[in-house]
Every structure is written in C-alpha cells, then in structure tokens.
C-alpha atoms as a PDB file:
ATOM      1  CA  UNK A   1      11.397  22.476   6.663  1.00  0.00           C
ATOM      2  CA  UNK A   2       8.350  20.588   8.008  1.00  0.00           C
ATOM      3  CA  UNK A   3       8.860  17.234   9.693  1.00  0.00           C
ATOM      4  CA  UNK A   4       7.964  14.211   7.525  1.00  0.00           C
ATOM      5  CA  UNK A   5       4.810  12.465   8.741  1.00  0.00           C
ATOM      6  CA  UNK A   6       4.265   8.737   8.372  1.00  0.00           C
ATOM      7  CA  UNK A   7       1.186   6.581   8.850  1.00  0.00           C
ATOM      8  CA  UNK A   8       0.346   5.769  12.439  1.00  0.00           C
ATOM      9  CA  UNK A   9      -0.249   2.183  13.542  1.00  0.00           C
ATOM     10  CA  UNK A  10      -3.960   2.979  13.651  1.00  0.00           C
ATOM     11  CA  UNK A  11      -3.922   4.288  10.065  1.00  0.00           C
ATOM     12  CA  UNK A  12      -1.970   1.234   8.919  1.00  0.00           C
ATOM     13  CA  UNK A  13      -4.502  -1.032  10.625  1.00  0.00           C
ATOM     14  CA  UNK A  14      -7.422   0.783   8.975  1.00  0.00           C
ATOM     15  CA  UNK A  15      -5.781   0.539   5.551  1.00  0.00           C
ATOM     16  CA  UNK A  16      -5.115  -3.158   6.076  1.00  0.00           C
ATOM     17  CA  UNK A  17      -8.717  -3.756   7.140  1.00  0.00           C
ATOM     18  CA  UNK A  18      -9.948  -1.973   4.000  1.00  0.00           C
ATOM     19  CA  UNK A  19      -7.588  -4.100   1.906  1.00  0.00           C
ATOM     20  CA  UNK A  20      -8.774  -7.301   3.613  1.00  0.00           C
ATOM     21  CA  UNK A  21     -12.412  -6.407   2.952  1.00  0.00           C
ATOM     22  CA  UNK A  22     -11.652  -5.785  -0.740  1.00  0.00           C
ATOM     23  CA  UNK A  23      -9.418  -8.850  -1.126  1.00  0.00           C
ATOM     24  CA  UNK A  24     -11.981 -11.330  -2.512  1.00  0.00           C
ATOM     25  CA  UNK A  25     -12.799  -8.949  -5.363  1.00  0.00           C
ATOM     26  CA  UNK A  26      -9.138  -7.980  -5.902  1.00  0.00           C
ATOM     27  CA  UNK A  27      -8.132 -11.625  -6.268  1.00  0.00           C
ATOM     28  CA  UNK A  28     -10.388 -11.981  -9.297  1.00  0.00           C
ATOM     29  CA  UNK A  29      -8.415  -9.517 -11.452  1.00  0.00           C
ATOM     30  CA  UNK A  30      -5.239  -8.543  -9.598  1.00  0.00           C
ATOM     31  CA  UNK A  31      -3.793 -11.661  -7.943  1.00  0.00           C
ATOM     32  CA  UNK A  32      -0.028 -11.381  -7.547  1.00  0.00           C
ATOM     33  CA  UNK A  33      -0.047  -7.619  -8.072  1.00  0.00           C
ATOM     34  CA  UNK A  34       0.379  -4.806  -5.535  1.00  0.00           C
ATOM     35  CA  UNK A  35      -2.225  -2.214  -4.591  1.00  0.00           C
ATOM     36  CA  UNK A  36      -1.980   1.220  -3.056  1.00  0.00           C
ATOM     37  CA  UNK A  37      -4.226   1.823  -0.044  1.00  0.00           C
ATOM     38  CA  UNK A  38      -4.825   5.335   1.270  1.00  0.00           C
ATOM     39  CA  UNK A  39      -7.427   6.659   3.689  1.00  0.00           C
ATOM     40  CA  UNK A  40      -9.043   3.202   3.861  1.00  0.00           C
ATOM     41  CA  UNK A  41      -9.520   3.122   0.073  1.00  0.00           C
ATOM     42  CA  UNK A  42      -7.895   0.566  -2.209  1.00  0.00           C
ATOM     43  CA  UNK A  43      -6.572   2.328  -5.298  1.00  0.00           C
ATOM     44  CA  UNK A  44      -4.699   1.129  -8.387  1.00  0.00           C
ATOM     45  CA  UNK A  45      -2.859  -2.192  -8.834  1.00  0.00           C
ATOM     46  CA  UNK A  46       0.731  -2.513 -10.090  1.00  0.00           C
ATOM     47  CA  UNK A  47       2.920  -5.384 -11.228  1.00  0.00           C
ATOM     48  CA  UNK A  48       5.727  -4.793  -8.719  1.00  0.00           C
ATOM     49  CA  UNK A  49       5.950  -3.435  -5.198  1.00  0.00           C
ATOM     50  CA  UNK A  50       8.429  -0.858  -6.466  1.00  0.00           C
ATOM     51  CA  UNK A  51       6.003   0.364  -9.144  1.00  0.00           C
ATOM     52  CA  UNK A  52       3.257   0.674  -6.523  1.00  0.00           C
ATOM     53  CA  UNK A  53       5.483   2.714  -4.187  1.00  0.00           C
ATOM     54  CA  UNK A  54       6.693   4.977  -6.985  1.00  0.00           C
ATOM     55  CA  UNK A  55       3.112   5.559  -8.155  1.00  0.00           C
ATOM     56  CA  UNK A  56       2.037   6.361  -4.592  1.00  0.00           C
ATOM     57  CA  UNK A  57       4.791   8.935  -4.213  1.00  0.00           C
ATOM     58  CA  UNK A  58       3.933  10.470  -7.595  1.00  0.00           C
ATOM     59  CA  UNK A  59       0.221  10.603  -6.771  1.00  0.00           C
ATOM     60  CA  UNK A  60       0.498  11.925  -3.226  1.00  0.00           C
ATOM     61  CA  UNK A  61       4.056  13.247  -2.784  1.00  0.00           C
ATOM     62  CA  UNK A  62       4.127  11.824   0.747  1.00  0.00           C
ATOM     63  CA  UNK A  63       4.362   8.535   2.622  1.00  0.00           C
ATOM     64  CA  UNK A  64       0.748   8.441   3.807  1.00  0.00           C
ATOM     65  CA  UNK A  65      -0.249   5.304   1.925  1.00  0.00           C
ATOM     66  CA  UNK A  66       0.211   1.547   2.238  1.00  0.00           C
ATOM     67  CA  UNK A  67       1.124  -1.057  -0.359  1.00  0.00           C
ATOM     68  CA  UNK A  68      -0.235  -4.607  -0.125  1.00  0.00           C
ATOM     69  CA  UNK A  69       0.289  -7.670  -2.264  1.00  0.00           C
ATOM     70  CA  UNK A  70      -2.906  -9.189  -3.620  1.00  0.00           C
ATOM     71  CA  UNK A  71      -2.636 -12.798  -2.511  1.00  0.00           C
ATOM     72  CA  UNK A  72      -4.936 -15.352  -0.920  1.00  0.00           C
ATOM     73  CA  UNK A  73      -2.471 -15.455   1.979  1.00  0.00           C
ATOM     74  CA  UNK A  74      -2.426 -11.772   2.964  1.00  0.00           C
ATOM     75  CA  UNK A  75       0.438 -10.578   5.101  1.00  0.00           C
ATOM     76  CA  UNK A  76       0.041  -7.528   7.303  1.00  0.00           C
ATOM     77  CA  UNK A  77       3.168  -5.512   6.591  1.00  0.00           C
ATOM     78  CA  UNK A  78       2.449  -2.659   8.992  1.00  0.00           C
ATOM     79  CA  UNK A  79       5.337  -0.237   8.994  1.00  0.00           C
ATOM     80  CA  UNK A  80       7.271  -2.593   6.687  1.00  0.00           C
ATOM     81  CA  UNK A  81       5.034  -1.449   3.844  1.00  0.00           C
ATOM     82  CA  UNK A  82       7.350   1.588   3.743  1.00  0.00           C
ATOM     83  CA  UNK A  83      10.704  -0.225   3.748  1.00  0.00           C
ATOM     84  CA  UNK A  84      11.369   0.563   0.090  1.00  0.00           C
ATOM     85  CA  UNK A  85      12.825   4.047  -0.024  1.00  0.00           C
ATOM     86  CA  UNK A  86      12.565   6.539  -2.849  1.00  0.00           C
ATOM     87  CA  UNK A  87      16.139   5.824  -3.828  1.00  0.00           C
ATOM     88  CA  UNK A  88      15.670   2.049  -4.061  1.00  0.00           C
ATOM     89  CA  UNK A  89      15.902   0.281  -7.362  1.00  0.00           C
END
C-alpha cells in the first residue's frame, strides 16, 4: 500500500498566497464560506469547513488540497487546514 502524501509547507504557502490574491473577489460573493485551494487555484466555495473537506476528498481522493475561510481577516491555517479527518462529523 503506497504511503499517504500530504501537502508540503511550500505547497501550503503557495495555496495560501493564491487564496490571498483571490480574497478581494471572493469576499464579494462568498464571505463566511470555505473554499478549496489546490495547485494554487481557488476552487468551489462551501457553507461549512466540513462540506469543503468532504468535497475535496470526493473530487481528488487525496489530501493534496487546502481549505480556507473567506473572511476579511484571513488566517493562515497551514497544516491545520487538514485537522478535520474523514471520519469527523
């Protein structure tokens, strides 16, 4: 069975930078929601962090994406963006 790979700190930083660049536009229509970021691209927005994580796992079947809250006070979650496990409710 292959070893699970997770985002590196560099990948997390790049995703966060892409999110930060897109934030002014995201705030217009998605404030308070959560977005999936993968490969420096901001994807869909979801109402809850759990919904965003579940959608990311369904879309990619891996943990190589970040989730960020769309807020005017962005918080860099780094590795904490993966705290919610697949079994969480």
